[in-house]
């Protein structure tokens, strides 16, 4: 599987989760999810739990940085970096 295809698969699965917080998926492109107020602290915890279950990764305390979860692109990059 190529990296581009893998990134698109991750993006699609993350988008599916995030759709419970927005009406239009196009709104998520480039949007700041946490600092922009889209995700509350509880929604962010749910997102992290979802990423761990969906992608079989472990989010360590050191990973809990805003830049890892504030945009769709940063989430995709984070998951890519955590996967074997």
PDB file of N, CA and C in Angstrom:
ATOM      1  N   UNK A   1       0.851  -1.175   0.000  1.00  0.00           N
ATOM      2  CA  UNK A   1       0.000   0.000   0.000  1.00  0.00           C
ATOM      3  C   UNK A   1       0.898   1.241   0.000  1.00  0.00           C
ATOM      4  N   UNK A   2       0.617   2.176  -0.882  1.00  0.00           N
ATOM      5  CA  UNK A   2       1.448   3.378  -0.958  1.00  0.00           C
ATOM      6  C   UNK A   2       1.102   4.338   0.167  1.00  0.00           C
ATOM      7  N   UNK A   3       2.050   5.223   0.454  1.00  0.00           N
ATOM      8  CA  UNK A   3       1.850   6.189   1.547  1.00  0.00           C
ATOM      9  C   UNK A   3       0.668   7.104   1.252  1.00  0.00           C
ATOM     10  N   UNK A   4       0.503   7.512  -0.004  1.00  0.00           N
ATOM     11  CA  UNK A   4      -0.608   8.407  -0.362  1.00  0.00           C
ATOM     12  C   UNK A   4      -1.937   7.695  -0.146  1.00  0.00           C
ATOM     13  N   UNK A   5      -2.026   6.447  -0.586  1.00  0.00           N
ATOM     14  CA  UNK A   5      -3.256   5.684  -0.400  1.00  0.00           C
ATOM     15  C   UNK A   5      -3.534   5.480   1.087  1.00  0.00           C
ATOM     16  N   UNK A   6      -2.493   5.167   1.834  1.00  0.00           N
ATOM     17  CA  UNK A   6      -2.639   4.952   3.271  1.00  0.00           C
ATOM     18  C   UNK A   6      -3.116   6.230   3.965  1.00  0.00           C
ATOM     19  N   UNK A   7      -2.523   7.375   3.592  1.00  0.00           N
ATOM     20  CA  UNK A   7      -2.947   8.649   4.171  1.00  0.00           C
ATOM     21  C   UNK A   7      -4.413   8.939   3.859  1.00  0.00           C
ATOM     22  N   UNK A   8      -4.835   8.636   2.644  1.00  0.00           N
ATOM     23  CA  UNK A   8      -6.233   8.874   2.268  1.00  0.00           C
ATOM     24  C   UNK A   8      -7.174   7.961   3.044  1.00  0.00           C
ATOM     25  N   UNK A   9      -6.755   6.736   3.293  1.00  0.00           N
ATOM     26  CA  UNK A   9      -7.573   5.811   4.081  1.00  0.00           C
ATOM     27  C   UNK A   9      -7.701   6.308   5.520  1.00  0.00           C
ATOM     28  N   UNK A  10      -6.589   6.778   6.090  1.00  0.00           N
ATOM     29  CA  UNK A  10      -6.618   7.331   7.449  1.00  0.00           C
ATOM     30  C   UNK A  10      -7.506   8.555   7.470  1.00  0.00           C
ATOM     31  N   UNK A  11      -7.319   9.464   6.508  1.00  0.00           N
ATOM     32  CA  UNK A  11      -8.119  10.698   6.429  1.00  0.00           C
ATOM     33  C   UNK A  11      -9.609  10.372   6.376  1.00  0.00           C
ATOM     34  N   UNK A  12      -9.964   9.406   5.569  1.00  0.00           N
ATOM     35  CA  UNK A  12     -11.371   9.030   5.412  1.00  0.00           C
ATOM     36  C   UNK A  12     -11.958   8.520   6.733  1.00  0.00           C
ATOM     37  N   UNK A  13     -11.207   7.705   7.437  1.00  0.00           N
ATOM     38  CA  UNK A  13     -11.704   7.141   8.693  1.00  0.00           C
ATOM     39  C   UNK A  13     -11.772   8.187   9.800  1.00  0.00           C
ATOM     40  N   UNK A  14     -10.834   9.131   9.805  1.00  0.00           N
ATOM     41  CA  UNK A  14     -10.877  10.217  10.787  1.00  0.00           C
ATOM     42  C   UNK A  14     -12.042  11.151  10.462  1.00  0.00           C
ATOM     43  N   UNK A  15     -12.228  11.457   9.181  1.00  0.00           N
ATOM     44  CA  UNK A  15     -13.357  12.302   8.771  1.00  0.00           C
ATOM     45  C   UNK A  15     -14.680  11.694   9.217  1.00  0.00           C
ATOM     46  N   UNK A  16     -14.810  10.398   9.045  1.00  0.00           N
ATOM     47  CA  UNK A  16     -16.033   9.707   9.451  1.00  0.00           C
ATOM     48  C   UNK A  16     -16.329   9.955  10.934  1.00  0.00           C
ATOM     49  N   UNK A  17     -15.303   9.905  11.766  1.00  0.00           N
ATOM     50  CA  UNK A  17     -15.470  10.171  13.192  1.00  0.00           C
ATOM     51  C   UNK A  17     -15.841  11.630  13.431  1.00  0.00           C
ATOM     52  N   UNK A  18     -15.152  12.548  12.761  1.00  0.00           N
ATOM     53  CA  UNK A  18     -15.352  13.977  13.003  1.00  0.00           C
ATOM     54  C   UNK A  18     -16.689  14.505  12.494  1.00  0.00           C
ATOM     55  N   UNK A  19     -17.336  13.768  11.610  1.00  0.00           N
ATOM     56  CA  UNK A  19     -18.618  14.225  11.063  1.00  0.00           C
ATOM     57  C   UNK A  19     -19.705  14.360  12.119  1.00  0.00           C
ATOM     58  N   UNK A  20     -19.511  13.768  13.271  1.00  0.00           N
ATOM     59  CA  UNK A  20     -20.507  13.941  14.333  1.00  0.00           C
ATOM     60  C   UNK A  20     -20.443  15.340  14.939  1.00  0.00           C
ATOM     61  N   UNK A  21     -19.371  16.093  14.600  1.00  0.00           N
ATOM     62  CA  UNK A  21     -19.187  17.437  15.172  1.00  0.00           C
ATOM     63  C   UNK A  21     -19.412  18.568  14.169  1.00  0.00           C
ATOM     64  N   UNK A  22     -19.483  18.253  12.875  1.00  0.00           N
ATOM     65  CA  UNK A  22     -19.744  19.268  11.846  1.00  0.00           C
ATOM     66  C   UNK A  22     -20.750  18.724  10.851  1.00  0.00           C
ATOM     67  N   UNK A  23     -21.410  19.632  10.145  1.00  0.00           N
ATOM     68  CA  UNK A  23     -22.396  19.211   9.156  1.00  0.00           C
ATOM     69  C   UNK A  23     -21.784  18.936   7.782  1.00  0.00           C
ATOM     70  N   UNK A  24     -20.758  19.690   7.437  1.00  0.00           N
ATOM     71  CA  UNK A  24     -20.162  19.606   6.111  1.00  0.00           C
ATOM     72  C   UNK A  24     -18.696  19.189   6.237  1.00  0.00           C
ATOM     73  N   UNK A  25     -18.322  18.032   5.678  1.00  0.00           N
ATOM     74  CA  UNK A  25     -16.941  17.580   5.806  1.00  0.00           C
ATOM     75  C   UNK A  25     -15.933  18.553   5.193  1.00  0.00           C
ATOM     76  N   UNK A  26     -16.350  19.338   4.216  1.00  0.00           N
ATOM     77  CA  UNK A  26     -15.448  20.313   3.597  1.00  0.00           C
ATOM     78  C   UNK A  26     -14.994  21.360   4.618  1.00  0.00           C
ATOM     79  N   UNK A  27     -15.814  21.601   5.644  1.00  0.00           N
ATOM     80  CA  UNK A  27     -15.459  22.558   6.694  1.00  0.00           C
ATOM     81  C   UNK A  27     -14.210  22.124   7.456  1.00  0.00           C
ATOM     82  N   UNK A  28     -13.936  20.837   7.476  1.00  0.00           N
ATOM     83  CA  UNK A  28     -12.829  20.314   8.275  1.00  0.00           C
ATOM     84  C   UNK A  28     -11.463  20.552   7.646  1.00  0.00           C
ATOM     85  N   UNK A  29     -11.425  20.779   6.339  1.00  0.00           N
ATOM     86  CA  UNK A  29     -10.150  20.995   5.660  1.00  0.00           C
ATOM     87  C   UNK A  29      -9.541  22.310   6.132  1.00  0.00           C
ATOM     88  N   UNK A  30      -8.416  22.219   6.798  1.00  0.00           N
ATOM     89  CA  UNK A  30      -7.707  23.394   7.269  1.00  0.00           C
ATOM     90  C   UNK A  30      -8.267  24.018   8.536  1.00  0.00           C
ATOM     91  N   UNK A  31      -9.359  23.480   9.048  1.00  0.00           N
ATOM     92  CA  UNK A  31      -9.980  24.034  10.246  1.00  0.00           C
ATOM     93  C   UNK A  31      -9.198  23.616  11.486  1.00  0.00           C
ATOM     94  N   UNK A  32      -9.076  24.543  12.417  1.00  0.00           N
ATOM     95  CA  UNK A  32      -8.470  24.216  13.698  1.00  0.00           C
ATOM     96  C   UNK A  32      -9.569  23.615  14.579  1.00  0.00           C
ATOM     97  N   UNK A  33      -9.413  22.357  14.888  1.00  0.00           N
ATOM     98  CA  UNK A  33     -10.471  21.612  15.559  1.00  0.00           C
ATOM     99  C   UNK A  33     -10.570  21.926  17.047  1.00  0.00           C
ATOM    100  N   UNK A  34      -9.435  22.038  17.707  1.00  0.00           N
ATOM    101  CA  UNK A  34      -9.444  22.272  19.157  1.00  0.00           C
ATOM    102  C   UNK A  34      -9.423  23.769  19.442  1.00  0.00           C
ATOM    103  N   UNK A  35      -8.432  24.453  18.895  1.00  0.00           N
ATOM    104  CA  UNK A  35      -8.337  25.894  19.155  1.00  0.00           C
ATOM    105  C   UNK A  35      -9.467  26.661  18.486  1.00  0.00           C
ATOM    106  N   UNK A  36     -10.094  26.073  17.464  1.00  0.00           N
ATOM    107  CA  UNK A  36     -11.227  26.703  16.795  1.00  0.00           C
ATOM    108  C   UNK A  36     -12.560  26.404  17.470  1.00  0.00           C
ATOM    109  N   UNK A  37     -12.533  25.582  18.518  1.00  0.00           N
ATOM    110  CA  UNK A  37     -13.741  25.307  19.280  1.00  0.00           C
ATOM    111  C   UNK A  37     -14.646  24.221  18.712  1.00  0.00           C
ATOM    112  N   UNK A  38     -14.196  23.513  17.690  1.00  0.00           N
ATOM    113  CA  UNK A  38     -15.009  22.435  17.120  1.00  0.00           C
ATOM    114  C   UNK A  38     -15.062  21.247  18.074  1.00  0.00           C
ATOM    115  N   UNK A  39     -13.901  20.905  18.643  1.00  0.00           N
ATOM    116  CA  UNK A  39     -13.831  19.784  19.578  1.00  0.00           C
ATOM    117  C   UNK A  39     -13.653  20.307  21.000  1.00  0.00           C
ATOM    118  N   UNK A  40     -14.520  19.872  21.874  1.00  0.00           N
ATOM    119  CA  UNK A  40     -14.369  20.177  23.300  1.00  0.00           C
ATOM    120  C   UNK A  40     -13.289  19.257  23.867  1.00  0.00           C
ATOM    121  N   UNK A  41     -12.966  19.438  25.123  1.00  0.00           N
ATOM    122  CA  UNK A  41     -11.963  18.570  25.745  1.00  0.00           C
ATOM    123  C   UNK A  41     -12.450  17.119  25.769  1.00  0.00           C
ATOM    124  N   UNK A  42     -13.733  16.917  26.018  1.00  0.00           N
ATOM    125  CA  UNK A  42     -14.272  15.551  26.027  1.00  0.00           C
ATOM    126  C   UNK A  42     -14.275  14.946  24.632  1.00  0.00           C
ATOM    127  N   UNK A  43     -14.584  15.750  23.633  1.00  0.00           N
ATOM    128  CA  UNK A  43     -14.561  15.270  22.247  1.00  0.00           C
ATOM    129  C   UNK A  43     -13.130  14.929  21.826  1.00  0.00           C
ATOM    130  N   UNK A  44     -12.167  15.684  22.323  1.00  0.00           N
ATOM    131  CA  UNK A  44     -10.768  15.406  22.008  1.00  0.00           C
ATOM    132  C   UNK A  44     -10.335  14.081  22.629  1.00  0.00           C
ATOM    133  N   UNK A  45     -10.759  13.819  23.848  1.00  0.00           N
ATOM    134  CA  UNK A  45     -10.469  12.527  24.483  1.00  0.00           C
ATOM    135  C   UNK A  45     -11.123  11.399  23.688  1.00  0.00           C
ATOM    136  N   UNK A  46     -12.347  11.609  23.236  1.00  0.00           N
ATOM    137  CA  UNK A  46     -13.033  10.598  22.415  1.00  0.00           C
ATOM    138  C   UNK A  46     -12.282  10.372  21.110  1.00  0.00           C
ATOM    139  N   UNK A  47     -11.775  11.440  20.493  1.00  0.00           N
ATOM    140  CA  UNK A  47     -11.005  11.315  19.262  1.00  0.00           C
ATOM    141  C   UNK A  47      -9.753  10.479  19.505  1.00  0.00           C
ATOM    142  N   UNK A  48      -9.032  10.764  20.564  1.00  0.00           N
ATOM    143  CA  UNK A  48      -7.805  10.025  20.865  1.00  0.00           C
ATOM    144  C   UNK A  48      -8.113   8.550  21.120  1.00  0.00           C
ATOM    145  N   UNK A  49      -9.165   8.277  21.850  1.00  0.00           N
ATOM    146  CA  UNK A  49      -9.577   6.890  22.092  1.00  0.00           C
ATOM    147  C   UNK A  49      -9.930   6.199  20.774  1.00  0.00           C
ATOM    148  N   UNK A  50     -10.636   6.923  19.920  1.00  0.00           N
ATOM    149  CA  UNK A  50     -11.007   6.384  18.605  1.00  0.00           C
ATOM    150  C   UNK A  50      -9.762   6.059  17.780  1.00  0.00           C
ATOM    151  N   UNK A  51      -8.790   6.960  17.772  1.00  0.00           N
ATOM    152  CA  UNK A  51      -7.568   6.729  17.008  1.00  0.00           C
ATOM    153  C   UNK A  51      -6.840   5.491  17.517  1.00  0.00           C
ATOM    154  N   UNK A  52      -6.785   5.325  18.817  1.00  0.00           N
ATOM    155  CA  UNK A  52      -6.109   4.154  19.383  1.00  0.00           C
ATOM    156  C   UNK A  52      -6.798   2.863  18.961  1.00  0.00           C
ATOM    157  N   UNK A  53      -8.105   2.846  19.018  1.00  0.00           N
ATOM    158  CA  UNK A  53      -8.857   1.630  18.667  1.00  0.00           C
ATOM    159  C   UNK A  53      -8.865   1.398  17.161  1.00  0.00           C
ATOM    160  N   UNK A  54      -9.125   2.435  16.409  1.00  0.00           N
ATOM    161  CA  UNK A  54      -9.290   2.312  14.957  1.00  0.00           C
ATOM    162  C   UNK A  54      -7.993   1.938  14.246  1.00  0.00           C
ATOM    163  N   UNK A  55      -6.872   2.485  14.729  1.00  0.00           N
ATOM    164  CA  UNK A  55      -5.613   2.301  14.024  1.00  0.00           C
ATOM    165  C   UNK A  55      -4.605   1.455  14.789  1.00  0.00           C
ATOM    166  N   UNK A  56      -4.990   0.970  15.961  1.00  0.00           N
ATOM    167  CA  UNK A  56      -4.099   0.100  16.722  1.00  0.00           C
ATOM    168  C   UNK A  56      -2.830   0.799  17.173  1.00  0.00           C
ATOM    169  N   UNK A  57      -2.960   2.062  17.525  1.00  0.00           N
ATOM    170  CA  UNK A  57      -1.799   2.817  17.992  1.00  0.00           C
ATOM    171  C   UNK A  57      -1.965   3.130  19.471  1.00  0.00           C
ATOM    172  N   UNK A  58      -0.882   3.554  20.092  1.00  0.00           N
ATOM    173  CA  UNK A  58      -0.931   3.973  21.482  1.00  0.00           C
ATOM    174  C   UNK A  58      -0.526   5.438  21.545  1.00  0.00           C
ATOM    175  N   UNK A  59      -1.383   6.250  22.123  1.00  0.00           N
ATOM    176  CA  UNK A  59      -1.091   7.668  22.300  1.00  0.00           C
ATOM    177  C   UNK A  59      -0.505   7.833  23.697  1.00  0.00           C
ATOM    178  N   UNK A  60       0.771   8.173  23.735  1.00  0.00           N
ATOM    179  CA  UNK A  60       1.480   8.341  25.004  1.00  0.00           C
ATOM    180  C   UNK A  60       1.257   9.747  25.542  1.00  0.00           C
ATOM    181  N   UNK A  61       1.558   9.931  26.823  1.00  0.00           N
ATOM    182  CA  UNK A  61       1.443  11.253  27.438  1.00  0.00           C
ATOM    183  C   UNK A  61       2.253  12.296  26.668  1.00  0.00           C
ATOM    184  N   UNK A  62       3.423  11.912  26.187  1.00  0.00           N
ATOM    185  CA  UNK A  62       4.271  12.844  25.437  1.00  0.00           C
ATOM    186  C   UNK A  62       3.657  13.248  24.105  1.00  0.00           C
ATOM    187  N   UNK A  63       2.706  12.468  23.600  1.00  0.00           N
ATOM    188  CA  UNK A  63       2.039  12.764  22.325  1.00  0.00           C
ATOM    189  C   UNK A  63       0.920  13.785  22.476  1.00  0.00           C
ATOM    190  N   UNK A  64       0.516  14.059  23.700  1.00  0.00           N
ATOM    191  CA  UNK A  64      -0.642  14.928  23.946  1.00  0.00           C
ATOM    192  C   UNK A  64      -0.268  16.398  23.779  1.00  0.00           C
ATOM    193  N   UNK A  65       0.062  16.736  22.540  1.00  0.00           N
ATOM    194  CA  UNK A  65       0.415  18.097  22.155  1.00  0.00           C
ATOM    195  C   UNK A  65      -0.642  18.603  21.180  1.00  0.00           C
ATOM    196  N   UNK A  66      -1.007  19.841  21.333  1.00  0.00           N
ATOM    197  CA  UNK A  66      -2.029  20.451  20.494  1.00  0.00           C
ATOM    198  C   UNK A  66      -1.742  20.257  19.009  1.00  0.00           C
ATOM    199  N   UNK A  67      -0.486  20.410  18.613  1.00  0.00           N
ATOM    200  CA  UNK A  67      -0.157  20.322  17.186  1.00  0.00           C
ATOM    201  C   UNK A  67      -0.398  18.933  16.594  1.00  0.00           C
ATOM    202  N   UNK A  68      -0.547  17.912  17.415  1.00  0.00           N
ATOM    203  CA  UNK A  68      -0.841  16.568  16.902  1.00  0.00           C
ATOM    204  C   UNK A  68      -2.314  16.359  16.575  1.00  0.00           C
ATOM    205  N   UNK A  69      -3.202  17.194  17.124  1.00  0.00           N
ATOM    206  CA  UNK A  69      -4.634  16.916  17.022  1.00  0.00           C
ATOM    207  C   UNK A  69      -5.488  18.114  16.594  1.00  0.00           C
ATOM    208  N   UNK A  70      -4.888  19.239  16.271  1.00  0.00           N
ATOM    209  CA  UNK A  70      -5.673  20.452  16.032  1.00  0.00           C
ATOM    210  C   UNK A  70      -6.221  20.576  14.620  1.00  0.00           C
ATOM    211  N   UNK A  71      -5.657  19.848  13.656  1.00  0.00           N
ATOM    212  CA  UNK A  71      -6.190  19.881  12.289  1.00  0.00           C
ATOM    213  C   UNK A  71      -6.290  18.457  11.756  1.00  0.00           C
ATOM    214  N   UNK A  72      -7.070  18.297  10.729  1.00  0.00           N
ATOM    215  CA  UNK A  72      -7.204  16.993  10.090  1.00  0.00           C
ATOM    216  C   UNK A  72      -5.847  16.511   9.580  1.00  0.00           C
ATOM    217  N   UNK A  73      -5.102  17.406   8.938  1.00  0.00           N
ATOM    218  CA  UNK A  73      -3.782  17.029   8.424  1.00  0.00           C
ATOM    219  C   UNK A  73      -2.840  16.604   9.539  1.00  0.00           C
ATOM    220  N   UNK A  74      -2.877  17.312  10.667  1.00  0.00           N
ATOM    221  CA  UNK A  74      -1.976  16.948  11.768  1.00  0.00           C
ATOM    222  C   UNK A  74      -2.365  15.597  12.361  1.00  0.00           C
ATOM    223  N   UNK A  75      -3.647  15.295  12.407  1.00  0.00           N
ATOM    224  CA  UNK A  75      -4.093  13.990  12.915  1.00  0.00           C
ATOM    225  C   UNK A  75      -3.615  12.876  11.984  1.00  0.00           C
ATOM    226  N   UNK A  76      -3.782  13.075  10.684  1.00  0.00           N
ATOM    227  CA  UNK A  76      -3.331  12.076   9.704  1.00  0.00           C
ATOM    228  C   UNK A  76      -1.824  11.868   9.833  1.00  0.00           C
ATOM    229  N   UNK A  77      -1.069  12.949   9.936  1.00  0.00           N
ATOM    230  CA  UNK A  77       0.381  12.840  10.091  1.00  0.00           C
ATOM    231  C   UNK A  77       0.767  12.144  11.380  1.00  0.00           C
ATOM    232  N   UNK A  78       0.041  12.435  12.436  1.00  0.00           N
ATOM    233  CA  UNK A  78       0.310  11.791  13.721  1.00  0.00           C
ATOM    234  C   UNK A  78       0.084  10.285  13.622  1.00  0.00           C
ATOM    235  N   UNK A  79      -1.039   9.874  13.064  1.00  0.00           N
ATOM    236  CA  UNK A  79      -1.341   8.449  12.931  1.00  0.00           C
ATOM    237  C   UNK A  79      -0.285   7.777  12.045  1.00  0.00           C
ATOM    238  N   UNK A  80       0.085   8.431  10.944  1.00  0.00           N
ATOM    239  CA  UNK A  80       1.111   7.885  10.056  1.00  0.00           C
ATOM    240  C   UNK A  80       2.417   7.639  10.826  1.00  0.00           C
ATOM    241  N   UNK A  81       2.796   8.584  11.662  1.00  0.00           N
ATOM    242  CA  UNK A  81       4.027   8.463  12.430  1.00  0.00           C
ATOM    243  C   UNK A  81       3.991   7.387  13.499  1.00  0.00           C
ATOM    244  N   UNK A  82       2.803   7.049  13.976  1.00  0.00           N
ATOM    245  CA  UNK A  82       2.658   6.050  15.040  1.00  0.00           C
ATOM    246  C   UNK A  82       2.507   4.633  14.495  1.00  0.00           C
ATOM    247  N   UNK A  83       2.127   4.504  13.233  1.00  0.00           N
ATOM    248  CA  UNK A  83       1.910   3.174  12.682  1.00  0.00           C
ATOM    249  C   UNK A  83       3.219   2.540  12.283  1.00  0.00           C
ATOM    250  N   UNK A  84       3.299   1.220  12.401  1.00  0.00           N
ATOM    251  CA  UNK A  84       4.554   0.513  12.033  1.00  0.00           C
ATOM    252  C   UNK A  84       4.826   0.567  10.543  1.00  0.00           C
TER     253      UNK A  84
END
